[in-house]
Amino acid sequence: MADVAAPPPPPQATEELPPPPPQGTEEVLPPEPPLAEPPREYAPAEQEEVPPPPSSAVTTTTAVESELLEKPPPAHEEVVVSVDASKKVEPPAEPQKVPQSFASFKEESNKVADLSVPERKALEELKQLVREGLNTNVFVSKQTPEQEAETGEASVSAGEVSIWGIPLLKDERSDVLLLKFLRARDFKTKDAFVMLRNTIHWRKQFGIDALVDEDLGDDLEKVVFMHGHDRDGHPVCYNVYGEFQNKELYQKTFADEEKRTKFLRWRVQFLEKSIRKFDFNPGGICTIFQVSDLKNSPGPGKRELRIATKQALQLLQDNYPEFVAKQVFINVPWWYLAFYAMINPFLTQRTKSKFVFASPSKTAETLFKYISPEQVAVQYGGLSVDNCDCNPDFTVSDPATEMTVKPGTKQIVEIIIYEKCVIVWELRVVGWEVSYGAEFVPDSGEFSVNIQKPKKMSPLDEPVVHGTFKVLELGKVLLTVDNPTSKKKKLLYRFKIDLLGD
């Protein structure tokens, strides 16, 4: 990096940016994700298609999008979206496109019937090697009685070998597990068998089964945590490296070899608990969607962190094959992007296809491509709040509607009410810098009722606004967002109706 005198600024118009370097360079980088996989040769995958947002109660009754795409909107143009509160219909989904500059990784099927002939042959060959290994006890760890006492693991007899709770060769779940090792070694059967054997030996030596139940404290619960699912059902794991800006936490975690060893054990324990929630059934979910937040991430000068990261990365690459569906890096600093732009030509297609990079201004937009807003944590632009009673009317199972508020445009969401009820809603504009207001307009022609006078919202305001109104006559609730800025804004909202008795 010393020979790069003036790195270029970060790209401003792309969500997916150059991916991380191969293994030999991680010691000069910020922390790698806890499930990073080693790069390997792979044919370009199909272009990934991201599913549209989930259904909600929204019906668009005006068509202005095509005109807005052809010419800049005039100042304060009004765009009205009408919603029938009594119906549940498919929303008008905005097109979700992955940039064409990258071939996005497409998860392979774990169903034997979907495998190619060479892949099925490799799987049968691996199963035969495993069968022979079980009969000859090659999976039994060569430990002394003293070592077995220390690790809490005793030698097992033939036919009793399990990994992640899946007995080898007992049922079709074993095929799913073996496919992970095959794919990690490009379907080279002998290499996959050696990896599997070494992993089983390592698990015994590391004392994995005892580690799962060990109390390692909760100091790092804000550093790595699970929150929600992506649009394909993968659990989402967040890695928040900025937490290590806390000097006390950093010293407590990495100051010496003993502390780094405890950190490594905590990291493995967290991963083991996550994996054991998978059922490993063919066609099911058995991979994790990872989000790594690099905001305020310690730079490459932190020696202790580099050592711990390198140890963890090597261990995870050797013993946890193919457990990552996608790696999304958010709040990426410009110097990180500049470095990857230089090494991008040297990376394999498979490695590049699994990684997505987003600069701070593109973080929420990029996450929404893969995770619906109601599943994205509030601090990352979404609507999901864990362990909070601040708005018990909504949960992650309540779908939100996404729309774009174009520059110089006033967006009005018109919710038509046909019965007496109490309506509750929540709304956010990512980044705000807009005016928000709400009113009720009765069908009788009487004066409208101000629910929320137009208020200029700043990025420092509460990320999500909540509203409620008791409707005693037919009419419509208008939620208005006025965007005076030169930037388009992402609007999210959802509502519920509680009918009143006569």
Protein backbone atom coordinates (compact mmCIF):
# COMPACT_ATOMS: atom_id res chain seq x y z
CA MET A 1 0.00 0.00 0.00
CA ALA A 2 2.97 2.33 0.52
CA ASP A 3 3.46 2.79 -3.20
CA VAL A 4 -0.08 4.07 -3.71
CA ALA A 5 0.41 7.81 -3.27
CA ALA A 6 -3.08 9.00 -4.09
CA PRO A 7 -5.76 6.28 -4.02
CA PRO A 8 -8.85 7.06 -6.07
CA PRO A 9 -12.06 8.06 -4.27
CA PRO A 10 -14.66 5.35 -3.63
CA PRO A 11 -17.08 4.53 -6.45
CA GLN A 12 -20.29 6.50 -6.10
CA ALA A 13 -22.67 4.71 -8.42
CA THR A 14 -22.17 1.03 -7.76
CA GLU A 15 -23.38 -1.18 -4.98
CA GLU A 16 -21.12 -4.13 -5.68
CA LEU A 17 -17.49 -3.30 -5.48
CA PRO A 18 -14.26 -5.24 -5.80
CA PRO A 19 -14.11 -8.19 -3.40
CA PRO A 20 -11.48 -9.14 -0.84
CA PRO A 21 -8.03 -10.50 -1.65
CA PRO A 22 -6.84 -14.09 -1.51
CA GLN A 23 -5.54 -15.68 1.69
CA GLY A 24 -1.99 -14.47 1.41
CA THR A 25 -2.87 -10.83 2.05
CA GLU A 26 -5.20 -10.85 5.04
CA GLU A 27 -2.50 -9.76 7.49
CA VAL A 28 -2.52 -6.22 6.05
CA LEU A 29 -6.29 -5.81 6.06
CA PRO A 30 -9.05 -5.01 8.56
CA PRO A 31 -10.79 -8.03 10.11
CA GLU A 32 -12.14 -10.62 7.72
CA PRO A 33 -15.64 -12.06 8.22
CA PRO A 34 -15.87 -15.04 10.57
CA LEU A 35 -16.99 -17.40 7.80
CA ALA A 36 -14.71 -16.40 4.96
CA GLU A 37 -13.92 -19.18 2.51
CA PRO A 38 -10.71 -19.75 0.54
CA PRO A 39 -10.88 -18.73 -3.12
CA ARG A 40 -10.99 -21.54 -5.64
CA GLU A 41 -11.55 -21.95 -9.34
CA TYR A 42 -15.17 -21.95 -10.41
CA ALA A 43 -17.07 -21.38 -13.62
CA PRO A 44 -19.01 -18.09 -13.77
CA ALA A 45 -22.34 -18.46 -12.04
CA GLU A 46 -25.66 -17.35 -13.42
CA GLN A 47 -26.74 -13.77 -12.86
CA GLU A 48 -28.61 -13.74 -9.56
CA GLU A 49 -32.17 -12.52 -9.59
CA VAL A 50 -33.27 -10.94 -6.32
CA PRO A 51 -36.90 -11.66 -5.37
CA PRO A 52 -39.32 -8.72 -5.17
CA PRO A 53 -40.57 -7.34 -1.84
CA PRO A 54 -43.27 -9.35 -0.02
CA SER A 55 -46.95 -8.69 -0.54
CA SER A 56 -48.80 -6.06 1.46
CA ALA A 57 -52.00 -4.04 1.26
CA VAL A 58 -50.82 -1.54 -1.33
CA THR A 59 -52.44 -0.74 -4.68
CA THR A 60 -50.87 1.95 -6.86
CA THR A 61 -53.47 3.93 -8.80
CA THR A 62 -51.26 6.47 -10.59
CA ALA A 63 -48.61 5.85 -13.22
CA VAL A 64 -45.92 8.50 -13.24
CA GLU A 65 -42.75 6.40 -13.03
CA SER A 66 -42.12 6.19 -16.79
CA GLU A 67 -42.35 9.96 -17.17
CA LEU A 68 -40.02 10.55 -14.22
CA LEU A 69 -37.43 8.25 -15.75
CA GLU A 70 -37.44 10.18 -19.01
CA LYS A 71 -37.00 13.71 -17.62
CA PRO A 72 -36.07 15.37 -14.33
CA PRO A 73 -39.15 15.99 -12.17
CA PRO A 74 -40.18 19.60 -11.67
CA ALA A 75 -39.88 21.01 -8.18
CA HIS A 76 -42.55 19.79 -5.76
CA GLU A 77 -44.29 17.51 -8.20
CA GLU A 78 -46.86 15.43 -6.36
CA VAL A 79 -46.91 11.66 -6.69
CA VAL A 80 -49.98 10.02 -5.13
CA VAL A 81 -50.10 6.33 -4.26
CA SER A 82 -53.56 5.14 -3.21
CA VAL A 83 -53.94 2.22 -0.79
CA ASP A 84 -57.15 0.36 -0.05
CA ALA A 85 -57.02 -0.45 3.66
CA SER A 86 -59.64 -3.20 3.30
CA LYS A 87 -57.76 -5.30 0.75
CA LYS A 88 -54.59 -7.38 0.71
CA VAL A 89 -53.15 -7.39 -2.79
CA GLU A 90 -49.74 -7.64 -4.38
CA PRO A 91 -47.82 -4.35 -4.19
CA PRO A 92 -46.32 -2.72 -7.29
CA ALA A 93 -42.78 -3.98 -6.82
CA GLU A 94 -40.00 -1.73 -7.96
CA PRO A 95 -37.51 -3.61 -10.13
CA GLN A 96 -34.64 -5.00 -8.09
CA LYS A 97 -31.50 -5.47 -10.17
CA VAL A 98 -28.05 -6.67 -9.30
CA PRO A 99 -25.39 -4.68 -11.16
CA GLN A 100 -24.43 -6.43 -14.38
CA SER A 101 -20.71 -6.00 -13.82
CA PHE A 102 -20.61 -9.07 -11.55
CA ALA A 103 -21.88 -12.61 -11.98
CA SER A 104 -23.54 -13.16 -8.62
CA PHE A 105 -23.04 -16.45 -6.82
CA LYS A 106 -25.95 -18.86 -7.14
CA GLU A 107 -26.22 -21.53 -4.46
CA GLU A 108 -26.02 -25.04 -5.81
CA SER A 109 -28.72 -27.57 -5.04
CA ASN A 110 -28.17 -30.12 -2.28
CA LYS A 111 -30.59 -32.59 -3.85
CA VAL A 112 -28.83 -35.60 -5.33
CA ALA A 113 -31.26 -35.64 -8.26
CA ASP A 114 -30.11 -32.12 -9.25
CA LEU A 115 -26.41 -33.01 -9.38
CA SER A 116 -24.59 -33.55 -12.64
CA VAL A 117 -23.41 -37.06 -13.49
CA PRO A 118 -19.76 -36.33 -12.50
CA GLU A 119 -20.96 -34.76 -9.22
CA ARG A 120 -23.12 -37.77 -8.35
CA LYS A 121 -20.20 -40.04 -9.13
CA ALA A 122 -17.91 -37.99 -6.86
CA LEU A 123 -20.49 -38.15 -4.06
CA GLU A 124 -20.75 -41.95 -4.34
CA GLU A 125 -16.95 -42.25 -4.33
CA LEU A 126 -16.71 -40.09 -1.21
CA LYS A 127 -19.39 -42.14 0.53
CA GLN A 128 -17.43 -45.30 -0.25
CA LEU A 129 -14.26 -43.74 1.23
CA VAL A 130 -16.21 -42.68 4.33
CA ARG A 131 -17.66 -46.20 4.65
CA GLU A 132 -14.18 -47.70 4.52
CA GLY A 133 -12.97 -45.08 6.98
CA LEU A 134 -15.71 -45.98 9.45
CA ASN A 135 -14.82 -49.64 9.19
CA THR A 136 -11.11 -49.01 9.74
CA ASN A 137 -11.52 -46.34 12.44
CA VAL A 138 -9.60 -43.66 10.54
CA PHE A 139 -11.92 -41.02 12.04
CA VAL A 140 -11.00 -41.99 15.60
CA SER A 141 -8.78 -39.36 17.17
CA LYS A 142 -5.37 -40.66 18.25
CA GLN A 143 -5.59 -39.28 21.78
CA THR A 144 -4.18 -40.57 25.02
CA PRO A 145 -6.59 -41.05 27.94
CA GLU A 146 -5.17 -37.83 29.46
CA GLN A 147 -5.90 -35.88 26.27
CA GLU A 148 -9.41 -37.31 26.13
CA ALA A 149 -10.00 -36.14 29.71
CA GLU A 150 -8.79 -32.61 28.82
CA THR A 151 -10.95 -32.25 25.71
CA GLY A 152 -13.97 -34.04 27.10
CA GLU A 153 -14.00 -36.26 24.00
CA ALA A 154 -13.65 -40.03 24.05
CA SER A 155 -12.76 -42.17 21.06
CA VAL A 156 -15.75 -43.45 19.14
CA SER A 157 -16.29 -46.85 17.65
CA ALA A 158 -16.95 -47.61 14.01
CA GLY A 159 -20.28 -46.34 12.70
CA GLU A 160 -20.79 -43.74 15.44
CA VAL A 161 -19.12 -40.73 13.85
CA SER A 162 -21.24 -37.56 13.71
CA ILE A 163 -20.50 -33.99 12.73
CA TRP A 164 -22.84 -31.06 13.57
CA GLY A 165 -25.21 -33.68 14.95
CA ILE A 166 -25.42 -35.53 11.60
CA PRO A 167 -24.33 -39.22 11.72
CA LEU A 168 -22.21 -40.05 8.69
CA LEU A 169 -23.97 -42.22 6.07
CA LYS A 170 -27.13 -42.68 8.17
CA ASP A 171 -29.55 -40.74 5.93
CA GLU A 172 -29.82 -38.09 3.19
CA ARG A 173 -28.69 -35.35 5.58
CA SER A 174 -25.24 -36.93 5.42
CA ASP A 175 -25.26 -36.35 1.63
CA VAL A 176 -25.85 -32.63 2.19
CA LEU A 177 -22.94 -32.52 4.62
CA LEU A 178 -20.59 -34.45 2.32
CA LEU A 179 -21.48 -32.15 -0.59
CA LYS A 180 -20.11 -29.22 1.38
CA PHE A 181 -16.72 -30.88 1.62
CA LEU A 182 -16.81 -31.88 -2.04
CA ARG A 183 -17.60 -28.35 -3.20
CA ALA A 184 -14.88 -26.95 -0.98
CA ARG A 185 -12.42 -29.16 -2.86
CA ASP A 186 -13.85 -28.81 -6.38
CA PHE A 187 -15.34 -32.33 -6.24
CA LYS A 188 -11.90 -33.88 -5.88
CA THR A 189 -12.96 -36.91 -3.88
CA LYS A 190 -9.72 -37.76 -2.11
CA ASP A 191 -9.08 -34.13 -1.14
CA ALA A 192 -12.63 -33.85 0.24
CA PHE A 193 -12.14 -37.04 2.27
CA VAL A 194 -8.87 -35.75 3.76
CA MET A 195 -10.59 -32.47 4.68
CA LEU A 196 -13.48 -34.33 6.32
CA ARG A 197 -11.13 -36.62 8.26
CA ASN A 198 -8.98 -33.71 9.45
CA THR A 199 -12.07 -31.74 10.47
CA ILE A 200 -13.41 -34.62 12.58
CA HIS A 201 -10.02 -35.01 14.28
CA TRP A 202 -9.81 -31.25 14.91
CA ARG A 203 -13.30 -31.19 16.44
CA LYS A 204 -12.31 -33.87 18.93
CA GLN A 205 -9.04 -32.13 19.80
CA PHE A 206 -10.74 -28.73 20.14
CA GLY A 207 -13.50 -30.23 22.32
CA ILE A 208 -16.37 -28.85 20.24
CA ASP A 209 -19.20 -30.68 22.01
CA ALA A 210 -18.08 -29.42 25.41
CA LEU A 211 -17.41 -25.93 24.00
CA VAL A 212 -21.02 -25.47 22.86
CA ASP A 213 -22.23 -25.47 26.48
CA GLU A 214 -19.33 -23.46 27.91
CA ASP A 215 -20.04 -20.03 29.43
CA LEU A 216 -17.73 -17.57 27.67
CA GLY A 217 -19.54 -14.39 28.71
CA ASP A 218 -21.50 -11.87 26.68
CA ASP A 219 -18.87 -9.17 26.08
CA LEU A 220 -18.96 -9.74 22.33
CA GLU A 221 -22.70 -10.01 21.78
CA LYS A 222 -22.72 -6.64 19.97
CA VAL A 223 -19.77 -7.61 17.78
CA VAL A 224 -21.35 -10.69 16.15
CA PHE A 225 -25.07 -11.41 16.31
CA MET A 226 -27.89 -13.00 14.31
CA HIS A 227 -30.80 -10.83 13.21
CA GLY A 228 -33.59 -11.77 10.79
CA HIS A 229 -33.46 -13.64 7.49
CA ASP A 230 -32.70 -12.69 3.90
CA ARG A 231 -35.24 -12.90 1.08
CA ASP A 232 -34.30 -16.55 0.47
CA GLY A 233 -34.67 -17.57 4.12
CA HIS A 234 -31.02 -17.63 5.16
CA PRO A 235 -30.37 -16.41 8.72
CA VAL A 236 -28.43 -13.15 8.69
CA CYS A 237 -25.27 -12.76 10.76
CA TYR A 238 -23.97 -9.22 11.46
CA ASN A 239 -20.29 -8.60 12.21
CA VAL A 240 -19.79 -5.12 13.67
CA TYR A 241 -16.06 -4.41 13.73
CA GLY A 242 -16.49 -0.80 14.85
CA GLU A 243 -17.23 -2.11 18.35
CA PHE A 244 -13.48 -2.68 18.73
CA GLN A 245 -12.95 1.08 18.78
CA ASN A 246 -13.76 0.65 22.45
CA LYS A 247 -10.23 0.40 23.86
CA GLU A 248 -11.33 -1.51 26.93
CA LEU A 249 -13.13 -4.14 24.85
CA TYR A 250 -10.20 -4.36 22.43
CA GLN A 251 -7.68 -4.97 25.21
CA LYS A 252 -9.98 -7.44 26.94
CA THR A 253 -10.32 -9.40 23.68
CA PHE A 254 -6.89 -9.26 22.01
CA ALA A 255 -4.24 -8.02 24.46
CA ASP A 256 -2.41 -11.36 24.87
CA GLU A 257 -2.41 -14.93 23.61
CA GLU A 258 -4.73 -16.17 26.35
CA LYS A 259 -7.35 -13.53 25.51
CA ARG A 260 -7.04 -14.20 21.78
CA THR A 261 -7.53 -17.92 22.41
CA LYS A 262 -10.71 -17.20 24.36
CA PHE A 263 -11.92 -14.96 21.52
CA LEU A 264 -11.29 -17.78 19.05
CA ARG A 265 -13.24 -20.22 21.21
CA TRP A 266 -16.11 -17.74 21.51
CA ARG A 267 -16.18 -17.29 17.76
CA VAL A 268 -16.25 -21.02 17.10
CA GLN A 269 -18.93 -21.49 19.76
CA PHE A 270 -21.13 -18.83 18.15
CA LEU A 271 -20.77 -20.49 14.75
CA GLU A 272 -21.45 -23.97 16.12
CA LYS A 273 -24.68 -22.82 17.79
CA SER A 274 -25.81 -21.21 14.54
CA ILE A 275 -25.03 -24.28 12.41
CA ARG A 276 -26.79 -26.68 14.78
CA LYS A 277 -30.07 -24.91 14.08
CA PHE A 278 -29.96 -26.21 10.48
CA ASP A 279 -31.71 -29.50 9.74
CA PHE A 280 -29.45 -30.32 6.75
CA ASN A 281 -32.38 -31.69 4.76
CA PRO A 282 -31.94 -31.59 0.95
CA GLY A 283 -33.57 -28.45 -0.39
CA GLY A 284 -33.47 -26.81 3.04
CA ILE A 285 -31.42 -23.89 4.34
CA CYS A 286 -27.95 -24.75 5.65
CA THR A 287 -25.94 -21.61 4.88
CA ILE A 288 -25.69 -18.15 6.45
CA PHE A 289 -26.02 -14.69 4.91
CA GLN A 290 -23.27 -12.51 6.35
CA VAL A 291 -23.16 -8.74 6.76
CA SER A 292 -19.84 -7.21 7.84
CA ASP A 293 -20.07 -3.59 9.01
CA LEU A 294 -16.73 -1.82 8.50
CA LYS A 295 -17.80 1.54 9.93
CA ASN A 296 -15.09 2.73 12.33
CA SER A 297 -13.31 -0.58 11.82
CA PRO A 298 -9.79 -0.62 13.30
CA GLY A 299 -7.21 -0.14 10.55
CA PRO A 300 -4.50 -2.56 9.45
CA GLY A 301 -2.09 -1.24 12.10
CA LYS A 302 -3.66 -3.27 14.93
CA ARG A 303 -1.18 -6.13 15.27
CA GLU A 304 -3.12 -8.10 17.89
CA LEU A 305 -6.27 -7.99 15.79
CA ARG A 306 -4.38 -9.15 12.70
CA ILE A 307 -3.01 -12.16 14.58
CA ALA A 308 -6.42 -13.16 15.97
CA THR A 309 -8.12 -12.68 12.61
CA LYS A 310 -5.54 -14.75 10.77
CA GLN A 311 -5.90 -17.60 13.29
CA ALA A 312 -9.69 -17.55 13.10
CA LEU A 313 -9.75 -17.31 9.33
CA GLN A 314 -7.47 -20.30 8.85
CA LEU A 315 -9.40 -22.41 11.35
CA LEU A 316 -12.77 -21.59 9.79
CA GLN A 317 -11.58 -22.15 6.24
CA ASP A 318 -10.20 -25.57 7.14
CA ASN A 319 -13.16 -26.85 9.15
CA TYR A 320 -16.37 -25.05 8.07
CA PRO A 321 -16.76 -25.50 4.31
CA GLU A 322 -19.51 -23.85 2.28
CA PHE A 323 -21.50 -22.29 5.11
CA VAL A 324 -21.75 -18.83 3.51
CA ALA A 325 -24.49 -17.97 1.02
CA LYS A 326 -23.42 -14.35 0.54
CA GLN A 327 -20.97 -11.88 2.10
CA VAL A 328 -22.08 -8.26 2.09
CA PHE A 329 -19.64 -5.63 3.35
CA ILE A 330 -21.29 -2.32 4.30
CA ASN A 331 -20.04 1.14 5.29
CA VAL A 332 -16.85 0.36 3.43
CA PRO A 333 -14.17 3.10 3.70
CA TRP A 334 -12.72 4.48 0.46
CA TRP A 335 -9.20 3.19 1.12
CA TYR A 336 -10.62 -0.36 1.42
CA LEU A 337 -12.25 -0.04 -1.98
CA ALA A 338 -9.16 1.44 -3.61
CA PHE A 339 -7.03 -1.48 -2.46
CA TYR A 340 -9.49 -4.09 -3.73
CA ALA A 341 -9.78 -2.33 -7.08
CA MET A 342 -6.10 -3.09 -7.63
CA ILE A 343 -6.19 -6.77 -6.69
CA ASN A 344 -9.60 -7.56 -8.26
CA PRO A 345 -8.12 -8.99 -11.54
CA PHE A 346 -6.29 -11.67 -9.57
CA LEU A 347 -9.35 -13.17 -7.84
CA THR A 348 -11.28 -16.23 -8.96
CA GLN A 349 -14.84 -15.88 -10.23
CA ARG A 350 -16.35 -17.88 -7.34
CA THR A 351 -14.71 -15.65 -4.74
CA LYS A 352 -15.85 -12.47 -6.48
CA SER A 353 -19.38 -13.75 -6.96
CA LYS A 354 -19.99 -14.29 -3.23
CA PHE A 355 -18.91 -10.80 -2.15
CA VAL A 356 -20.81 -7.53 -2.32
CA PHE A 357 -19.34 -4.22 -1.19
CA ALA A 358 -21.35 -1.09 -0.36
CA SER A 359 -20.08 2.38 0.45
CA PRO A 360 -21.82 4.21 3.36
CA SER A 361 -24.26 6.01 1.06
CA LYS A 362 -25.35 2.72 -0.53
CA THR A 363 -25.56 0.56 2.59
CA ALA A 364 -29.35 0.47 3.13
CA GLU A 365 -30.13 0.26 -0.58
CA THR A 366 -27.76 -2.69 -0.99
CA LEU A 367 -29.11 -4.56 2.05
CA PHE A 368 -32.68 -4.18 0.76
CA LYS A 369 -31.70 -6.03 -2.42
CA TYR A 370 -31.14 -9.16 -0.38
CA ILE A 371 -33.08 -8.59 2.88
CA SER A 372 -36.59 -7.14 3.10
CA PRO A 373 -36.79 -3.88 5.15
CA GLU A 374 -38.85 -5.40 7.96
CA GLN A 375 -36.00 -7.89 8.51
CA VAL A 376 -33.18 -5.31 8.43
CA ALA A 377 -32.07 -3.90 11.79
CA VAL A 378 -33.05 -0.27 12.43
CA GLN A 379 -29.43 0.87 12.66
CA TYR A 380 -28.90 -0.27 9.06
CA GLY A 381 -31.92 1.47 7.53
CA GLY A 382 -34.65 -1.10 8.19
CA LEU A 383 -37.64 -1.41 10.50
CA SER A 384 -36.65 -4.33 12.71
CA VAL A 385 -35.95 -3.75 16.39
CA ASP A 386 -34.88 -6.63 18.63
CA ASN A 387 -36.05 -6.87 22.24
CA CYS A 388 -38.00 -3.63 22.10
CA ASP A 389 -41.56 -2.82 23.12
CA CYS A 390 -41.38 0.62 21.48
CA ASN A 391 -43.96 -0.38 18.86
CA PRO A 392 -45.50 -3.79 19.64
CA ASP A 393 -48.00 -3.44 16.77
CA PHE A 394 -45.44 -4.61 14.22
CA THR A 395 -43.02 -7.52 13.97
CA VAL A 396 -40.63 -8.83 11.32
CA SER A 397 -43.53 -10.86 9.91
CA ASP A 398 -45.45 -7.70 8.95
CA PRO A 399 -44.38 -6.76 5.41
CA ALA A 400 -43.38 -3.20 4.58
CA THR A 401 -43.77 -1.35 1.30
CA GLU A 402 -40.74 0.24 -0.35
CA MET A 403 -40.84 3.12 -2.77
CA THR A 404 -38.49 5.76 -4.11
CA VAL A 405 -39.17 9.46 -3.53
CA LYS A 406 -37.48 11.23 -6.39
CA PRO A 407 -35.65 14.58 -6.01
CA GLY A 408 -37.91 17.62 -5.77
CA THR A 409 -40.97 15.40 -5.39
CA LYS A 410 -43.77 15.22 -2.84
CA GLN A 411 -44.87 11.63 -2.30
CA ILE A 412 -48.35 11.10 -0.86
CA VAL A 413 -49.46 7.69 0.41
CA GLU A 414 -53.26 7.75 0.40
CA ILE A 415 -54.85 5.08 2.63
CA ILE A 416 -58.57 4.76 1.88
CA ILE A 417 -60.74 3.87 4.92
CA TYR A 418 -64.15 2.21 4.45
CA GLU A 419 -65.06 1.34 8.06
CA LYS A 420 -64.72 2.81 11.51
CA CYS A 421 -61.39 1.72 12.86
CA VAL A 422 -58.12 2.58 14.54
CA ILE A 423 -55.27 2.74 12.06
CA VAL A 424 -51.65 2.47 13.18
CA TRP A 425 -48.63 2.90 10.96
CA GLU A 426 -44.89 3.29 10.98
CA LEU A 427 -42.81 5.07 8.39
CA ARG A 428 -39.21 5.95 7.74
CA VAL A 429 -37.19 7.63 5.04
CA VAL A 430 -33.62 6.37 5.02
CA GLY A 431 -31.42 9.34 5.91
CA TRP A 432 -34.46 11.63 6.24
CA GLU A 433 -33.68 15.27 5.19
CA VAL A 434 -37.32 15.47 4.11
CA SER A 435 -40.57 16.88 5.53
CA TYR A 436 -43.14 14.46 6.89
CA GLY A 437 -46.79 15.07 7.68
CA ALA A 438 -50.05 13.14 8.17
CA GLU A 439 -53.71 14.14 7.92
CA PHE A 440 -57.18 12.64 7.67
CA VAL A 441 -59.50 13.82 4.90
CA PRO A 442 -63.19 12.80 5.41
CA ASP A 443 -65.39 11.91 2.44
CA SER A 444 -68.10 14.24 3.78
CA GLY A 445 -66.16 17.28 2.63
CA GLU A 446 -65.64 18.53 6.17
CA PHE A 447 -62.33 20.06 7.16
CA SER A 448 -59.37 17.69 7.21
CA VAL A 449 -57.73 16.76 10.50
CA ASN A 450 -54.04 17.33 11.05
CA ILE A 451 -52.57 14.19 12.60
CA GLN A 452 -48.98 15.34 12.23
CA LYS A 453 -48.20 18.85 11.03
CA PRO A 454 -45.51 18.86 8.34
CA LYS A 455 -42.17 18.57 10.09
CA LYS A 456 -38.68 18.70 8.66
CA MET A 457 -36.93 15.51 9.67
CA SER A 458 -33.15 15.42 10.08
CA PRO A 459 -30.83 12.40 10.14
CA LEU A 460 -30.58 12.89 13.93
CA ASP A 461 -34.31 12.32 14.48
CA GLU A 462 -35.74 8.96 15.47
CA PRO A 463 -35.24 6.62 12.49
CA VAL A 464 -38.86 5.36 12.49
CA VAL A 465 -41.96 7.48 13.13
CA HIS A 466 -45.13 5.90 14.48
CA GLY A 467 -48.67 7.15 14.08
CA THR A 468 -52.17 6.21 15.18
CA PHE A 469 -55.60 7.67 14.42
CA LYS A 470 -59.16 6.75 15.36
CA VAL A 471 -61.36 6.93 12.24
CA LEU A 472 -65.05 7.55 12.98
CA GLU A 473 -66.21 8.35 9.42
CA LEU A 474 -65.25 7.27 5.93
CA GLY A 475 -62.31 9.03 4.35
CA LYS A 476 -58.60 8.65 3.79
CA VAL A 477 -55.38 9.06 5.71
CA LEU A 478 -52.65 10.92 3.81
CA LEU A 479 -49.00 10.32 4.68
CA THR A 480 -46.89 12.95 2.95
CA VAL A 481 -43.15 12.97 2.36
CA ASP A 482 -41.72 16.08 0.67
CA ASN A 483 -38.21 15.59 -0.69
CA PRO A 484 -36.62 19.01 -1.48
CA THR A 485 -33.13 17.54 -1.90
CA SER A 486 -31.31 16.63 -5.11
CA LYS A 487 -31.08 12.97 -4.05
CA LYS A 488 -33.64 10.23 -4.35
CA LYS A 489 -34.86 8.83 -1.04
CA LYS A 490 -36.01 5.36 0.01
CA LEU A 491 -39.42 5.43 1.73
CA LEU A 492 -40.62 2.51 3.86
CA TYR A 493 -44.05 2.21 5.46
CA ARG A 494 -46.56 -0.30 6.78
CA PHE A 495 -49.90 -0.04 8.58
CA LYS A 496 -52.57 -2.06 10.36
CA ILE A 497 -56.32 -1.63 10.78
CA ASP A 498 -58.24 -2.51 13.98
CA LEU A 499 -61.98 -2.33 13.28
CA LEU A 500 -64.27 -0.71 15.84
CA GLY A 501 -67.50 -2.34 16.97
CA ASP A 502 -70.88 -0.71 16.40
